[in-house]
Amino acid sequence: EQAQFLLDAGVDLLVLETFGDANELREALFAAREVAGPEMVIAAHVTIDRHKVIDNAQKYAAKAQWDKAVDEYKKILKEDPKDVRILQKIAEIQIKKGSKDDAIATYSRVAKNYNDEGFFLKAIVVYKQILSIDPNLTELYSKVADLYVKLGHIPDALANLDTLATPNRPEIQQRS
């Protein structure tokens, strides 16, 4: 009925969407194709129920089922790869399961997204989180300094450069 009404109104594109139920979408697609014919352009999309996915991920995390929790969060990232809140949740889980390198990579994506969007202070906070995981990532001290310069916080920028220039500082652990 709805497809016929839209066709009668002169629509030349039908967009079908459902929340996570591919069978429902398939049925709607067949019904729309039957009414519209093969010439009509029909776009179809399955949208996830974000709240349900987050709830499932939290349940898995509460049971320390880290991989399942990450898999749930990745469903959201398929629709929005730059969702920094979800990326941060994934990084936190990666820390809990002992995957520090993965967490650093995920946090780095978050920091880059914040930097690209002009949220320099948030990027600094995330870079400092990374440095708390691995203080030997010395290149991050200069990134943090650059961000402080963008914010006009020159003393903070100089403090980060000083940390970088002084290898015996406690912030930077000597590699053996």
Protein backbone atom coordinates (compact mmCIF):
# COMPACT_ATOMS: atom_id res chain seq x y z
CA GLU A 1 0.00 0.00 0.00
CA GLN A 2 2.70 2.48 0.99
CA ALA A 3 4.82 1.72 -2.07
CA GLN A 4 1.79 2.12 -4.36
CA PHE A 5 0.90 5.45 -2.74
CA LEU A 6 4.47 6.72 -3.26
CA LEU A 7 4.52 5.53 -6.88
CA ASP A 8 1.20 7.25 -7.54
CA ALA A 9 2.70 10.43 -6.08
CA GLY A 10 5.56 10.30 -8.63
CA VAL A 11 8.41 8.98 -6.50
CA ASP A 12 11.23 7.53 -8.58
CA LEU A 13 13.28 6.07 -5.72
CA LEU A 14 12.17 3.88 -2.83
CA VAL A 15 14.30 3.59 0.29
CA LEU A 16 13.59 0.67 2.61
CA GLU A 17 15.08 0.45 6.08
CA THR A 18 14.71 -1.89 9.02
CA PHE A 19 16.36 -2.32 12.39
CA GLY A 20 18.43 -5.47 12.31
CA ASP A 21 15.89 -7.80 10.71
CA ALA A 22 17.07 -8.91 7.29
CA ASN A 23 13.98 -11.10 6.76
CA GLU A 24 11.70 -8.12 7.29
CA LEU A 25 13.74 -6.14 4.79
CA ARG A 26 13.65 -8.99 2.26
CA GLU A 27 9.86 -9.18 2.50
CA ALA A 28 9.53 -5.41 2.07
CA LEU A 29 11.88 -5.49 -0.90
CA PHE A 30 9.90 -8.23 -2.65
CA ALA A 31 6.61 -6.39 -1.99
CA ALA A 32 8.00 -3.09 -3.25
CA ARG A 33 9.48 -4.75 -6.37
CA GLU A 34 6.14 -6.40 -7.08
CA VAL A 35 4.33 -3.05 -6.96
CA ALA A 36 7.03 -0.89 -8.53
CA GLY A 37 8.33 -3.18 -11.22
CA PRO A 38 11.93 -3.82 -12.28
CA GLU A 39 12.61 -0.25 -13.49
CA MET A 40 12.18 1.37 -10.06
CA VAL A 41 15.35 2.05 -8.10
CA ILE A 42 15.04 0.59 -4.63
CA ALA A 43 17.65 1.18 -1.93
CA ALA A 44 17.60 -1.12 1.08
CA HIS A 45 19.43 -0.80 4.37
CA VAL A 46 19.49 -2.71 7.64
CA THR A 47 20.18 -0.43 10.59
CA ILE A 48 21.37 -1.84 13.87
CA ASP A 49 19.62 -1.12 17.12
CA ARG A 50 22.47 0.84 18.70
CA HIS A 51 21.08 0.68 22.25
CA LYS A 52 20.60 -3.07 22.03
CA VAL A 53 24.13 -3.58 20.71
CA ILE A 54 25.63 -1.45 23.48
CA ASP A 55 23.57 -3.31 26.07
CA ASN A 56 24.79 -6.65 24.70
CA ALA A 57 28.41 -5.43 24.71
CA GLN A 58 28.11 -4.29 28.32
CA LYS A 59 26.65 -7.66 29.34
CA TYR A 60 29.56 -9.47 27.69
CA ALA A 61 32.07 -7.11 29.31
CA ALA A 62 30.50 -7.66 32.73
CA LYS A 63 31.12 -11.40 32.25
CA ALA A 64 34.72 -10.70 31.10
CA GLN A 65 33.83 -12.04 27.64
CA TRP A 66 36.07 -9.41 26.07
CA ASP A 67 36.13 -10.66 22.48
CA LYS A 68 32.33 -10.89 22.33
CA ALA A 69 32.03 -7.39 23.79
CA VAL A 70 34.43 -5.99 21.18
CA ASP A 71 32.56 -7.82 18.41
CA GLU A 72 29.33 -6.13 19.52
CA TYR A 73 30.96 -2.68 19.56
CA LYS A 74 32.43 -3.29 16.10
CA LYS A 75 28.86 -3.59 14.77
CA ILE A 76 28.43 0.09 15.62
CA LEU A 77 31.77 0.97 14.06
CA LYS A 78 30.62 -0.55 10.77
CA GLU A 79 28.01 2.20 10.57
CA ASP A 80 30.13 4.94 12.14
CA PRO A 81 33.87 4.17 12.03
CA LYS A 82 34.74 7.44 13.77
CA ASP A 83 32.54 6.95 16.83
CA VAL A 84 35.13 7.92 19.44
CA ARG A 85 33.03 6.79 22.40
CA ILE A 86 32.80 3.28 21.00
CA LEU A 87 36.48 3.27 20.06
CA GLN A 88 37.35 4.29 23.63
CA LYS A 89 35.19 1.49 25.04
CA ILE A 90 37.00 -0.98 22.78
CA ALA A 91 40.39 0.36 23.92
CA GLU A 92 39.36 0.01 27.57
CA ILE A 93 38.41 -3.62 26.93
CA GLN A 94 41.68 -4.22 25.10
CA ILE A 95 43.54 -2.94 28.18
CA LYS A 96 41.52 -5.23 30.45
CA LYS A 97 42.33 -8.26 28.33
CA GLY A 98 46.01 -7.34 28.20
CA SER A 99 46.18 -6.31 24.53
CA LYS A 100 48.18 -3.15 25.10
CA ASP A 101 49.35 -2.79 21.48
CA ASP A 102 45.77 -3.05 20.24
CA ALA A 103 44.62 -0.54 22.85
CA ILE A 104 47.34 1.89 21.80
CA ALA A 105 46.29 1.55 18.15
CA THR A 106 42.63 2.11 19.06
CA TYR A 107 43.39 5.08 21.31
CA SER A 108 45.54 6.50 18.50
CA ARG A 109 42.48 6.42 16.20
CA VAL A 110 40.51 8.28 18.85
CA ALA A 111 43.21 10.93 19.27
CA LYS A 112 43.52 11.38 15.50
CA ASN A 113 39.76 11.78 15.15
CA TYR A 114 39.69 14.40 17.92
CA ASN A 115 42.65 16.21 16.36
CA ASP A 116 41.09 16.14 12.88
CA GLU A 117 37.83 17.58 14.28
CA GLY A 118 39.68 20.37 16.13
CA PHE A 119 39.12 18.97 19.63
CA PHE A 120 42.77 19.46 20.58
CA LEU A 121 42.34 19.23 24.35
CA LYS A 122 40.50 15.91 24.02
CA ALA A 123 43.27 14.66 21.71
CA ILE A 124 45.84 15.62 24.35
CA VAL A 125 43.96 13.67 27.03
CA VAL A 126 43.89 10.57 24.83
CA TYR A 127 47.58 10.87 23.92
CA LYS A 128 48.34 11.07 27.64
CA GLN A 129 46.30 7.89 28.14
CA ILE A 130 48.49 6.21 25.54
CA LEU A 131 51.62 7.49 27.29
CA SER A 132 50.36 6.05 30.57
CA ILE A 133 50.25 2.67 28.82
CA ASP A 134 53.66 3.06 27.17
CA PRO A 135 55.78 6.08 28.18
CA ASN A 136 58.43 5.05 25.63
CA LEU A 137 56.32 6.27 22.72
CA THR A 138 58.42 9.41 22.69
CA GLU A 139 56.96 10.71 19.42
CA LEU A 140 53.72 11.36 21.29
CA TYR A 141 55.38 13.98 23.51
CA SER A 142 55.99 16.13 20.43
CA LYS A 143 52.42 15.54 19.22
CA VAL A 144 51.11 16.67 22.59
CA ALA A 145 53.43 19.70 22.47
CA ASP A 146 52.13 20.61 19.00
CA LEU A 147 48.55 20.41 20.25
CA TYR A 148 49.36 22.61 23.25
CA VAL A 149 50.84 25.17 20.83
CA LYS A 150 47.60 25.11 18.81
CA LEU A 151 45.75 25.85 22.04
CA GLY A 152 48.18 28.64 22.94
CA HIS A 153 49.46 26.79 26.02
CA ILE A 154 53.17 27.37 25.43
CA PRO A 155 54.39 26.39 28.95
CA ASP A 156 52.65 23.01 28.63
CA ALA A 157 54.13 22.55 25.16
CA LEU A 158 57.61 23.30 26.48
CA ALA A 159 57.15 20.88 29.38
CA ASN A 160 56.35 18.08 26.92
CA LEU A 161 59.34 18.95 24.76
CA ASP A 162 61.50 19.01 27.89
CA THR A 163 60.33 15.47 28.71
CA LEU A 164 61.23 14.43 25.20
CA ALA A 165 64.67 16.10 25.36
CA THR A 166 65.59 14.65 28.75
CA PRO A 167 65.84 10.86 28.37
CA ASN A 168 66.61 10.19 32.06
CA ARG A 169 63.28 11.63 33.20
CA PRO A 170 61.09 9.21 35.15
CA GLU A 171 58.32 9.61 32.55
CA ILE A 172 60.48 7.84 29.99
CA GLN A 173 61.68 4.39 30.96
CA GLN A 174 65.05 3.33 29.69
CA ARG A 175 64.96 0.43 27.26
CA SER A 176 67.40 -2.35 27.91
